[in-house]
Amino acid sequence: MLKILKLLRYSFFDLLRSKWILIYTLFFLITGFVLLYFNADLSRAVISLMNIVLIFIPLISCMLGTIHFYNSREFIELLLAQPVRREQVFMGNYLGVAFSLSLAYLVGLGIPFLAYGASRSPEVGSFITMMAVGILLTFIFTALAYWISLAVTDRMKGFGMVIVLWLYMAILYDGLFLLVTVVFQEYPLERPSIALVTLNPIDLSRVIIMLKLDVAALLGYTGAVFKKFFGTTQGMFIAFGTMLLWIALPVLGIMLTSRKKDF
């Protein structure tokens, strides 16, 4: 555990010195201030930010996770020659990337919202939910990117696979979901809809945020289904538990792949 923490600290501070982390932080900082300047209503600001968070965070997590892994290959190979377990090396690097991106997100959005009195607003719960969902998405997509990069030696092929994964989950999946609901509209789709939304962390995150904002009607026909299931305390626990499972599975994949990977 101590070795993982040391590697985490190294990757964390290495990325904090990166210009990309600074740009990432400034993007959310400027976006937050601009939205709150033109719209002081916290709930509306959260709705406006929701799609940015759900699309931008997975994309940047995928890109930076992949770039950092391939750029650190020589350093990783050097560490693997030391008396350090493979799982510790890769877990330390993954956690360093995920924590640095999460900190940049927290600082970037936290400063403008706190400056505009989010902590005193009745909608503070919606803001906290959005921040929590953003951090979970960071850990999920960084883990997925790291897993793919670890499994694929070729840099361009690995980067391409990560981008395709993001395109599928962020864009194509919603189209397929809509197609299924239209084709099978004559059949009961309540349970299949709930199952399908849990298979995509971006869709699940959108449902969590919109239910917290009490705007489930914007989800259309399935909104009532999601509100009935995820709107309860038990349903919300299941939703966040599923998000944690989305982190655990690729992390397990990283650990298993690292044992078989031949450097």
C-alpha atoms as a PDB file:
ATOM      1  CA  MET A   1       0.000   0.000   0.000  1.00  0.00           C
ATOM      2  CA  LEU A   2       2.852   2.410   0.819  1.00  0.00           C
ATOM      3  CA  LYS A   3       4.404   1.769  -2.577  1.00  0.00           C
ATOM      4  CA  ILE A   4       1.080   2.477  -4.297  1.00  0.00           C
ATOM      5  CA  LEU A   5       0.810   5.756  -2.380  1.00  0.00           C
ATOM      6  CA  LYS A   6       4.327   6.765  -3.392  1.00  0.00           C
ATOM      7  CA  LEU A   7       3.601   6.034  -7.047  1.00  0.00           C
ATOM      8  CA  LEU A   8       0.250   7.802  -6.753  1.00  0.00           C
ATOM      9  CA  ARG A   9       1.966  10.880  -5.321  1.00  0.00           C
ATOM     10  CA  TYR A  10       4.539  10.913  -8.113  1.00  0.00           C
ATOM     11  CA  SER A  11       1.916  10.612 -10.892  1.00  0.00           C
ATOM     12  CA  PHE A  12      -0.344  13.113  -9.124  1.00  0.00           C
ATOM     13  CA  PHE A  13       2.259  15.878  -8.855  1.00  0.00           C
ATOM     14  CA  ASP A  14       3.688  15.060 -12.279  1.00  0.00           C
ATOM     15  CA  LEU A  15       0.295  15.695 -13.869  1.00  0.00           C
ATOM     16  CA  LEU A  16      -0.393  18.791 -11.760  1.00  0.00           C
ATOM     17  CA  ARG A  17       2.624  20.372 -13.458  1.00  0.00           C
ATOM     18  CA  SER A  18       1.142  19.564 -16.857  1.00  0.00           C
ATOM     19  CA  LYS A  19      -0.303  22.393 -18.957  1.00  0.00           C
ATOM     20  CA  TRP A  20      -3.263  20.148 -19.811  1.00  0.00           C
ATOM     21  CA  ILE A  21      -4.382  20.007 -16.187  1.00  0.00           C
ATOM     22  CA  LEU A  22      -4.137  23.804 -16.015  1.00  0.00           C
ATOM     23  CA  ILE A  23      -6.219  24.152 -19.197  1.00  0.00           C
ATOM     24  CA  TYR A  24      -8.732  21.623 -17.846  1.00  0.00           C
ATOM     25  CA  THR A  25      -9.087  23.589 -14.606  1.00  0.00           C
ATOM     26  CA  LEU A  26      -9.379  26.942 -16.380  1.00  0.00           C
ATOM     27  CA  PHE A  27     -12.046  25.563 -18.713  1.00  0.00           C
ATOM     28  CA  PHE A  28     -14.355  24.648 -15.831  1.00  0.00           C
ATOM     29  CA  LEU A  29     -13.434  27.818 -13.924  1.00  0.00           C
ATOM     30  CA  ILE A  30     -14.342  30.116 -16.818  1.00  0.00           C
ATOM     31  CA  THR A  31     -17.426  28.083 -17.785  1.00  0.00           C
ATOM     32  CA  GLY A  32     -18.712  28.148 -14.209  1.00  0.00           C
ATOM     33  CA  PHE A  33     -18.253  31.913 -13.807  1.00  0.00           C
ATOM     34  CA  VAL A  34     -19.823  32.668 -17.208  1.00  0.00           C
ATOM     35  CA  LEU A  35     -22.896  30.518 -16.578  1.00  0.00           C
ATOM     36  CA  LEU A  36     -23.450  31.912 -13.091  1.00  0.00           C
ATOM     37  CA  TYR A  37     -22.880  35.487 -14.261  1.00  0.00           C
ATOM     38  CA  PHE A  38     -25.653  35.249 -16.854  1.00  0.00           C
ATOM     39  CA  ASN A  39     -27.873  32.973 -14.764  1.00  0.00           C
ATOM     40  CA  ALA A  40     -27.727  33.267 -10.989  1.00  0.00           C
ATOM     41  CA  ASP A  41     -30.235  30.401 -10.520  1.00  0.00           C
ATOM     42  CA  LEU A  42     -28.144  27.488  -9.251  1.00  0.00           C
ATOM     43  CA  SER A  43     -30.484  24.769 -10.520  1.00  0.00           C
ATOM     44  CA  ARG A  44     -30.483  26.198 -14.043  1.00  0.00           C
ATOM     45  CA  ALA A  45     -26.707  26.523 -13.946  1.00  0.00           C
ATOM     46  CA  VAL A  46     -26.428  22.860 -12.965  1.00  0.00           C
ATOM     47  CA  ILE A  47     -28.721  21.850 -15.842  1.00  0.00           C
ATOM     48  CA  SER A  48     -26.636  23.917 -18.259  1.00  0.00           C
ATOM     49  CA  LEU A  49     -23.422  22.362 -16.956  1.00  0.00           C
ATOM     50  CA  MET A  50     -24.773  18.824 -16.914  1.00  0.00           C
ATOM     51  CA  ASN A  51     -24.211  18.046 -20.585  1.00  0.00           C
ATOM     52  CA  ILE A  52     -20.766  19.657 -20.478  1.00  0.00           C
ATOM     53  CA  VAL A  53     -19.821  17.505 -17.502  1.00  0.00           C
ATOM     54  CA  LEU A  54     -21.271  14.318 -19.004  1.00  0.00           C
ATOM     55  CA  ILE A  55     -19.513  14.750 -22.353  1.00  0.00           C
ATOM     56  CA  PHE A  56     -16.324  16.653 -21.542  1.00  0.00           C
ATOM     57  CA  ILE A  57     -15.165  14.771 -18.438  1.00  0.00           C
ATOM     58  CA  PRO A  58     -15.253  11.288 -20.059  1.00  0.00           C
ATOM     59  CA  LEU A  59     -13.481  12.639 -23.153  1.00  0.00           C
ATOM     60  CA  ILE A  60     -10.653  14.344 -21.259  1.00  0.00           C
ATOM     61  CA  SER A  61     -10.307  11.424 -18.831  1.00  0.00           C
ATOM     62  CA  CYS A  62      -9.950   9.041 -21.786  1.00  0.00           C
ATOM     63  CA  MET A  63      -7.470  11.248 -23.632  1.00  0.00           C
ATOM     64  CA  LEU A  64      -5.231  12.205 -20.712  1.00  0.00           C
ATOM     65  CA  GLY A  65      -5.343   8.700 -19.246  1.00  0.00           C
ATOM     66  CA  THR A  66      -4.184   7.239 -22.568  1.00  0.00           C
ATOM     67  CA  ILE A  67      -1.558   9.906 -23.237  1.00  0.00           C
ATOM     68  CA  HIS A  68      -0.110   9.660 -19.734  1.00  0.00           C
ATOM     69  CA  PHE A  69       0.172   5.880 -19.912  1.00  0.00           C
ATOM     70  CA  TYR A  70       1.987   5.798 -23.250  1.00  0.00           C
ATOM     71  CA  ASN A  71       4.251   8.687 -22.263  1.00  0.00           C
ATOM     72  CA  SER A  72       5.139   6.873 -19.025  1.00  0.00           C
ATOM     73  CA  ARG A  73       5.978   3.515 -20.604  1.00  0.00           C
ATOM     74  CA  GLU A  74       9.746   3.875 -20.167  1.00  0.00           C
ATOM     75  CA  PHE A  75       9.311   4.960 -16.546  1.00  0.00           C
ATOM     76  CA  ILE A  76       6.927   2.045 -15.935  1.00  0.00           C
ATOM     77  CA  GLU A  77       9.408  -0.406 -17.451  1.00  0.00           C
ATOM     78  CA  LEU A  78      12.098   0.973 -15.137  1.00  0.00           C
ATOM     79  CA  LEU A  79       9.817   0.497 -12.117  1.00  0.00           C
ATOM     80  CA  LEU A  80       8.991  -3.055 -13.158  1.00  0.00           C
ATOM     81  CA  ALA A  81      12.705  -3.873 -12.941  1.00  0.00           C
ATOM     82  CA  GLN A  82      12.586  -2.939  -9.256  1.00  0.00           C
ATOM     83  CA  PRO A  83      11.243  -5.107  -6.416  1.00  0.00           C
ATOM     84  CA  VAL A  84       7.719  -3.703  -6.858  1.00  0.00           C
ATOM     85  CA  ARG A  85       4.650  -5.720  -7.735  1.00  0.00           C
ATOM     86  CA  ARG A  86       3.144  -5.048 -11.153  1.00  0.00           C
ATOM     87  CA  GLU A  87      -0.296  -4.302  -9.722  1.00  0.00           C
ATOM     88  CA  GLN A  88       1.201  -1.647  -7.441  1.00  0.00           C
ATOM     89  CA  VAL A  89       2.928   0.106 -10.325  1.00  0.00           C
ATOM     90  CA  PHE A  90      -0.149   0.326 -12.529  1.00  0.00           C
ATOM     91  CA  MET A  91      -2.590   1.095  -9.724  1.00  0.00           C
ATOM     92  CA  GLY A  92      -0.352   3.891  -8.445  1.00  0.00           C
ATOM     93  CA  ASN A  93      -0.154   5.462 -11.901  1.00  0.00           C
ATOM     94  CA  TYR A  94      -3.894   5.100 -12.551  1.00  0.00           C
ATOM     95  CA  LEU A  95      -4.871   6.617  -9.209  1.00  0.00           C
ATOM     96  CA  GLY A  96      -2.453   9.502  -9.707  1.00  0.00           C
ATOM     97  CA  VAL A  97      -4.113  10.416 -13.013  1.00  0.00           C
ATOM     98  CA  ALA A  98      -7.650  10.015 -11.658  1.00  0.00           C
ATOM     99  CA  PHE A  99      -7.001  12.075  -8.509  1.00  0.00           C
ATOM    100  CA  SER A 100      -5.273  14.902 -10.394  1.00  0.00           C
ATOM    101  CA  LEU A 101      -8.166  15.179 -12.879  1.00  0.00           C
ATOM    102  CA  SER A 102     -10.693  15.053 -10.038  1.00  0.00           C
ATOM    103  CA  LEU A 103      -8.890  17.833  -8.167  1.00  0.00           C
ATOM    104  CA  ALA A 104      -8.808  19.990 -11.300  1.00  0.00           C
ATOM    105  CA  TYR A 105     -12.564  19.460 -11.738  1.00  0.00           C
ATOM    106  CA  LEU A 106     -13.315  20.234  -8.095  1.00  0.00           C
ATOM    107  CA  VAL A 107     -11.254  23.422  -8.114  1.00  0.00           C
ATOM    108  CA  GLY A 108     -12.503  24.531 -11.530  1.00  0.00           C
ATOM    109  CA  LEU A 109     -16.211  24.291 -10.692  1.00  0.00           C
ATOM    110  CA  GLY A 110     -15.992  24.630  -6.922  1.00  0.00           C
ATOM    111  CA  ILE A 111     -14.547  28.162  -6.918  1.00  0.00           C
ATOM    112  CA  PRO A 112     -17.218  29.863  -9.064  1.00  0.00           C
ATOM    113  CA  PHE A 113     -20.129  28.067  -7.391  1.00  0.00           C
ATOM    114  CA  LEU A 114     -18.869  28.814  -3.898  1.00  0.00           C
ATOM    115  CA  ALA A 115     -18.186  32.418  -4.913  1.00  0.00           C
ATOM    116  CA  TYR A 116     -21.841  32.732  -5.938  1.00  0.00           C
ATOM    117  CA  GLY A 117     -23.071  31.275  -2.638  1.00  0.00           C
ATOM    118  CA  ALA A 118     -23.822  27.699  -3.633  1.00  0.00           C
ATOM    119  CA  SER A 119     -23.312  26.508  -0.055  1.00  0.00           C
ATOM    120  CA  ARG A 120     -26.219  28.705   1.089  1.00  0.00           C
ATOM    121  CA  SER A 121     -28.552  27.787  -1.758  1.00  0.00           C
ATOM    122  CA  PRO A 122     -31.433  25.304  -1.318  1.00  0.00           C
ATOM    123  CA  GLU A 123     -30.121  23.606  -4.488  1.00  0.00           C
ATOM    124  CA  VAL A 124     -26.753  22.806  -2.921  1.00  0.00           C
ATOM    125  CA  GLY A 125     -27.667  19.097  -2.996  1.00  0.00           C
ATOM    126  CA  SER A 126     -27.941  19.207  -6.800  1.00  0.00           C
ATOM    127  CA  PHE A 127     -24.527  20.850  -7.051  1.00  0.00           C
ATOM    128  CA  ILE A 128     -22.948  18.248  -4.748  1.00  0.00           C
ATOM    129  CA  THR A 129     -24.569  15.458  -6.780  1.00  0.00           C
ATOM    130  CA  MET A 130     -23.158  16.873 -10.000  1.00  0.00           C
ATOM    131  CA  MET A 131     -19.685  17.146  -8.471  1.00  0.00           C
ATOM    132  CA  ALA A 132     -19.859  13.574  -7.153  1.00  0.00           C
ATOM    133  CA  VAL A 133     -21.031  12.243 -10.512  1.00  0.00           C
ATOM    134  CA  GLY A 134     -18.206  14.102 -12.279  1.00  0.00           C
ATOM    135  CA  ILE A 135     -15.594  12.548  -9.994  1.00  0.00           C
ATOM    136  CA  LEU A 136     -17.053   9.064 -10.488  1.00  0.00           C
ATOM    137  CA  LEU A 137     -16.994   9.531 -14.273  1.00  0.00           C
ATOM    138  CA  THR A 138     -13.367  10.639 -14.023  1.00  0.00           C
ATOM    139  CA  PHE A 139     -12.372   7.449 -12.223  1.00  0.00           C
ATOM    140  CA  ILE A 140     -14.475   5.282 -14.577  1.00  0.00           C
ATOM    141  CA  PHE A 141     -13.151   6.607 -17.879  1.00  0.00           C
ATOM    142  CA  THR A 142      -9.580   6.979 -16.673  1.00  0.00           C
ATOM    143  CA  ALA A 143      -9.695   3.306 -15.651  1.00  0.00           C
ATOM    144  CA  LEU A 144     -11.198   2.266 -19.002  1.00  0.00           C
ATOM    145  CA  ALA A 145      -8.567   4.268 -20.913  1.00  0.00           C
ATOM    146  CA  TYR A 146      -5.747   2.902 -18.764  1.00  0.00           C
ATOM    147  CA  TRP A 147      -6.985  -0.667 -19.208  1.00  0.00           C
ATOM    148  CA  ILE A 148      -7.178  -0.350 -22.992  1.00  0.00           C
ATOM    149  CA  SER A 149      -3.768   1.337 -23.159  1.00  0.00           C
ATOM    150  CA  LEU A 150      -2.254  -1.413 -21.034  1.00  0.00           C
ATOM    151  CA  ALA A 151      -3.724  -4.133 -23.245  1.00  0.00           C
ATOM    152  CA  VAL A 152      -2.823  -2.495 -26.587  1.00  0.00           C
ATOM    153  CA  THR A 153       0.865  -1.893 -27.239  1.00  0.00           C
ATOM    154  CA  ASP A 154       0.446   0.251 -30.352  1.00  0.00           C
ATOM    155  CA  ARG A 155      -0.102   3.887 -29.335  1.00  0.00           C
ATOM    156  CA  MET A 156      -2.296   4.923 -32.275  1.00  0.00           C
ATOM    157  CA  LYS A 157      -4.444   1.799 -32.096  1.00  0.00           C
ATOM    158  CA  GLY A 158      -4.940   2.219 -28.350  1.00  0.00           C
ATOM    159  CA  PHE A 159      -5.800   5.901 -28.693  1.00  0.00           C
ATOM    160  CA  GLY A 160      -8.261   5.097 -31.483  1.00  0.00           C
ATOM    161  CA  MET A 161      -9.981   2.397 -29.414  1.00  0.00           C
ATOM    162  CA  VAL A 162     -10.375   4.790 -26.482  1.00  0.00           C
ATOM    163  CA  ILE A 163     -11.937   7.488 -28.685  1.00  0.00           C
ATOM    164  CA  VAL A 164     -14.316   4.932 -30.244  1.00  0.00           C
ATOM    165  CA  LEU A 165     -15.327   3.821 -26.736  1.00  0.00           C
ATOM    166  CA  TRP A 166     -16.083   7.431 -25.791  1.00  0.00           C
ATOM    167  CA  LEU A 167     -18.058   8.023 -29.006  1.00  0.00           C
ATOM    168  CA  TYR A 168     -20.109   4.896 -28.370  1.00  0.00           C
ATOM    169  CA  MET A 169     -20.982   5.737 -24.772  1.00  0.00           C
ATOM    170  CA  ALA A 170     -21.437   9.485 -25.225  1.00  0.00           C
ATOM    171  CA  ILE A 171     -23.287   9.558 -28.557  1.00  0.00           C
ATOM    172  CA  LEU A 172     -24.109   6.242 -30.227  1.00  0.00           C
ATOM    173  CA  TYR A 173     -25.544   4.532 -27.148  1.00  0.00           C
ATOM    174  CA  ASP A 174     -28.352   7.095 -26.797  1.00  0.00           C
ATOM    175  CA  GLY A 175     -29.328   6.550 -30.429  1.00  0.00           C
ATOM    176  CA  LEU A 176     -29.421   2.785 -29.957  1.00  0.00           C
ATOM    177  CA  PHE A 177     -31.423   3.231 -26.738  1.00  0.00           C
ATOM    178  CA  LEU A 178     -33.960   5.391 -28.589  1.00  0.00           C
ATOM    179  CA  LEU A 179     -34.135   2.871 -31.447  1.00  0.00           C
ATOM    180  CA  VAL A 180     -34.917   0.051 -29.019  1.00  0.00           C
ATOM    181  CA  THR A 181     -37.704   2.043 -27.338  1.00  0.00           C
ATOM    182  CA  VAL A 182     -39.269   2.904 -30.712  1.00  0.00           C
ATOM    183  CA  VAL A 183     -39.047  -0.593 -32.209  1.00  0.00           C
ATOM    184  CA  PHE A 184     -40.371  -2.319 -29.090  1.00  0.00           C
ATOM    185  CA  GLN A 185     -42.780   0.411 -27.940  1.00  0.00           C
ATOM    186  CA  GLU A 186     -45.681  -2.051 -27.868  1.00  0.00           C
ATOM    187  CA  TYR A 187     -43.934  -4.144 -25.230  1.00  0.00           C
ATOM    188  CA  PRO A 188     -43.389  -3.345 -21.545  1.00  0.00           C
ATOM    189  CA  LEU A 189     -40.011  -1.612 -21.417  1.00  0.00           C
ATOM    190  CA  GLU A 190     -39.790  -0.563 -17.777  1.00  0.00           C
ATOM    191  CA  ARG A 191     -37.282  -3.157 -16.615  1.00  0.00           C
ATOM    192  CA  PRO A 192     -35.286  -3.298 -19.880  1.00  0.00           C
ATOM    193  CA  SER A 193     -34.975   0.519 -19.769  1.00  0.00           C
ATOM    194  CA  ILE A 194     -33.557   0.422 -16.257  1.00  0.00           C
ATOM    195  CA  ALA A 195     -31.146  -2.353 -17.248  1.00  0.00           C
ATOM    196  CA  LEU A 196     -30.031  -0.504 -20.382  1.00  0.00           C
ATOM    197  CA  VAL A 197     -29.346   2.756 -18.558  1.00  0.00           C
ATOM    198  CA  THR A 198     -27.103   0.979 -16.038  1.00  0.00           C
ATOM    199  CA  LEU A 199     -24.980  -0.343 -18.922  1.00  0.00           C
ATOM    200  CA  ASN A 200     -23.774   3.176 -19.695  1.00  0.00           C
ATOM    201  CA  PRO A 201     -22.289   5.292 -16.864  1.00  0.00           C
ATOM    202  CA  ILE A 202     -22.934   8.520 -18.797  1.00  0.00           C
ATOM    203  CA  ASP A 203     -26.663   7.800 -19.137  1.00  0.00           C
ATOM    204  CA  LEU A 204     -26.852   6.670 -15.531  1.00  0.00           C
ATOM    205  CA  SER A 205     -25.133   9.894 -14.419  1.00  0.00           C
ATOM    206  CA  ARG A 206     -27.628  11.951 -16.410  1.00  0.00           C
ATOM    207  CA  VAL A 207     -30.541  10.176 -14.719  1.00  0.00           C
ATOM    208  CA  ILE A 208     -29.043  10.727 -11.252  1.00  0.00           C
ATOM    209  CA  ILE A 209     -28.551  14.465 -11.796  1.00  0.00           C
ATOM    210  CA  MET A 210     -31.962  15.050 -13.380  1.00  0.00           C
ATOM    211  CA  LEU A 211     -33.752  13.158 -10.637  1.00  0.00           C
ATOM    212  CA  LYS A 212     -31.933  15.236  -8.030  1.00  0.00           C
ATOM    213  CA  LEU A 213     -33.059  18.379  -9.860  1.00  0.00           C
ATOM    214  CA  ASP A 214     -36.607  16.941 -10.051  1.00  0.00           C
ATOM    215  CA  VAL A 215     -36.774  17.408 -13.827  1.00  0.00           C
ATOM    216  CA  ALA A 216     -37.315  13.762 -14.757  1.00  0.00           C
ATOM    217  CA  ALA A 217     -40.058  14.889 -17.182  1.00  0.00           C
ATOM    218  CA  LEU A 218     -37.274  15.991 -19.549  1.00  0.00           C
ATOM    219  CA  LEU A 219     -36.337  12.325 -19.938  1.00  0.00           C
ATOM    220  CA  GLY A 220     -39.622  11.673 -21.731  1.00  0.00           C
ATOM    221  CA  TYR A 221     -41.625   8.470 -21.344  1.00  0.00           C
ATOM    222  CA  THR A 222     -38.849   6.667 -19.478  1.00  0.00           C
ATOM    223  CA  GLY A 223     -38.572   9.553 -17.006  1.00  0.00           C
ATOM    224  CA  ALA A 224     -41.484   8.257 -14.939  1.00  0.00           C
ATOM    225  CA  VAL A 225     -39.931   4.781 -14.892  1.00  0.00           C
ATOM    226  CA  PHE A 226     -36.549   6.097 -13.751  1.00  0.00           C
ATOM    227  CA  LYS A 227     -38.145   8.338 -11.137  1.00  0.00           C
ATOM    228  CA  LYS A 228     -40.127   5.439  -9.723  1.00  0.00           C
ATOM    229  CA  PHE A 229     -37.049   3.215  -9.453  1.00  0.00           C
ATOM    230  CA  PHE A 230     -34.073   5.536  -8.927  1.00  0.00           C
ATOM    231  CA  GLY A 231     -36.065   8.250  -7.163  1.00  0.00           C
ATOM    232  CA  THR A 232     -36.198   6.240  -3.953  1.00  0.00           C
ATOM    233  CA  THR A 233     -33.369   6.046  -1.432  1.00  0.00           C
ATOM    234  CA  GLN A 234     -32.824   2.406  -2.310  1.00  0.00           C
ATOM    235  CA  GLY A 235     -32.805   3.226  -6.019  1.00  0.00           C
ATOM    236  CA  MET A 236     -30.237   5.980  -5.518  1.00  0.00           C
ATOM    237  CA  PHE A 237     -28.007   3.585  -3.580  1.00  0.00           C
ATOM    238  CA  ILE A 238     -28.294   1.137  -6.468  1.00  0.00           C
ATOM    239  CA  ALA A 239     -27.414   3.893  -8.950  1.00  0.00           C
ATOM    240  CA  PHE A 240     -24.282   4.974  -7.086  1.00  0.00           C
ATOM    241  CA  GLY A 241     -23.412   1.342  -6.366  1.00  0.00           C
ATOM    242  CA  THR A 242     -23.562   0.663 -10.107  1.00  0.00           C
ATOM    243  CA  MET A 243     -21.238   3.620 -10.725  1.00  0.00           C
ATOM    244  CA  LEU A 244     -18.766   2.176  -8.223  1.00  0.00           C
ATOM    245  CA  LEU A 245     -19.046  -1.169  -9.998  1.00  0.00           C
ATOM    246  CA  TRP A 246     -18.162   0.625 -13.224  1.00  0.00           C
ATOM    247  CA  ILE A 247     -14.936   1.694 -11.487  1.00  0.00           C
ATOM    248  CA  ALA A 248     -14.211  -1.690  -9.939  1.00  0.00           C
ATOM    249  CA  LEU A 249     -14.504  -3.751 -13.136  1.00  0.00           C
ATOM    250  CA  PRO A 250     -11.910  -1.881 -15.254  1.00  0.00           C
ATOM    251  CA  VAL A 251      -9.628  -1.609 -12.206  1.00  0.00           C
ATOM    252  CA  LEU A 252      -9.845  -5.395 -11.889  1.00  0.00           C
ATOM    253  CA  GLY A 253      -9.108  -5.589 -15.613  1.00  0.00           C
ATOM    254  CA  ILE A 254      -6.009  -3.413 -15.100  1.00  0.00           C
ATOM    255  CA  MET A 255      -4.747  -5.685 -12.347  1.00  0.00           C
ATOM    256  CA  LEU A 256      -5.355  -8.906 -14.319  1.00  0.00           C
ATOM    257  CA  THR A 257      -3.885  -7.527 -17.546  1.00  0.00           C
ATOM    258  CA  SER A 258      -0.814  -6.191 -15.740  1.00  0.00           C
ATOM    259  CA  ARG A 259       0.028  -9.698 -14.536  1.00  0.00           C
ATOM    260  CA  LYS A 260       0.004 -11.086 -18.091  1.00  0.00           C
ATOM    261  CA  LYS A 261       1.495  -8.086 -19.903  1.00  0.00           C
ATOM    262  CA  ASP A 262       4.950  -8.755 -21.325  1.00  0.00           C
ATOM    263  CA  PHE A 263       7.109  -5.613 -21.400  1.00  0.00           C
END
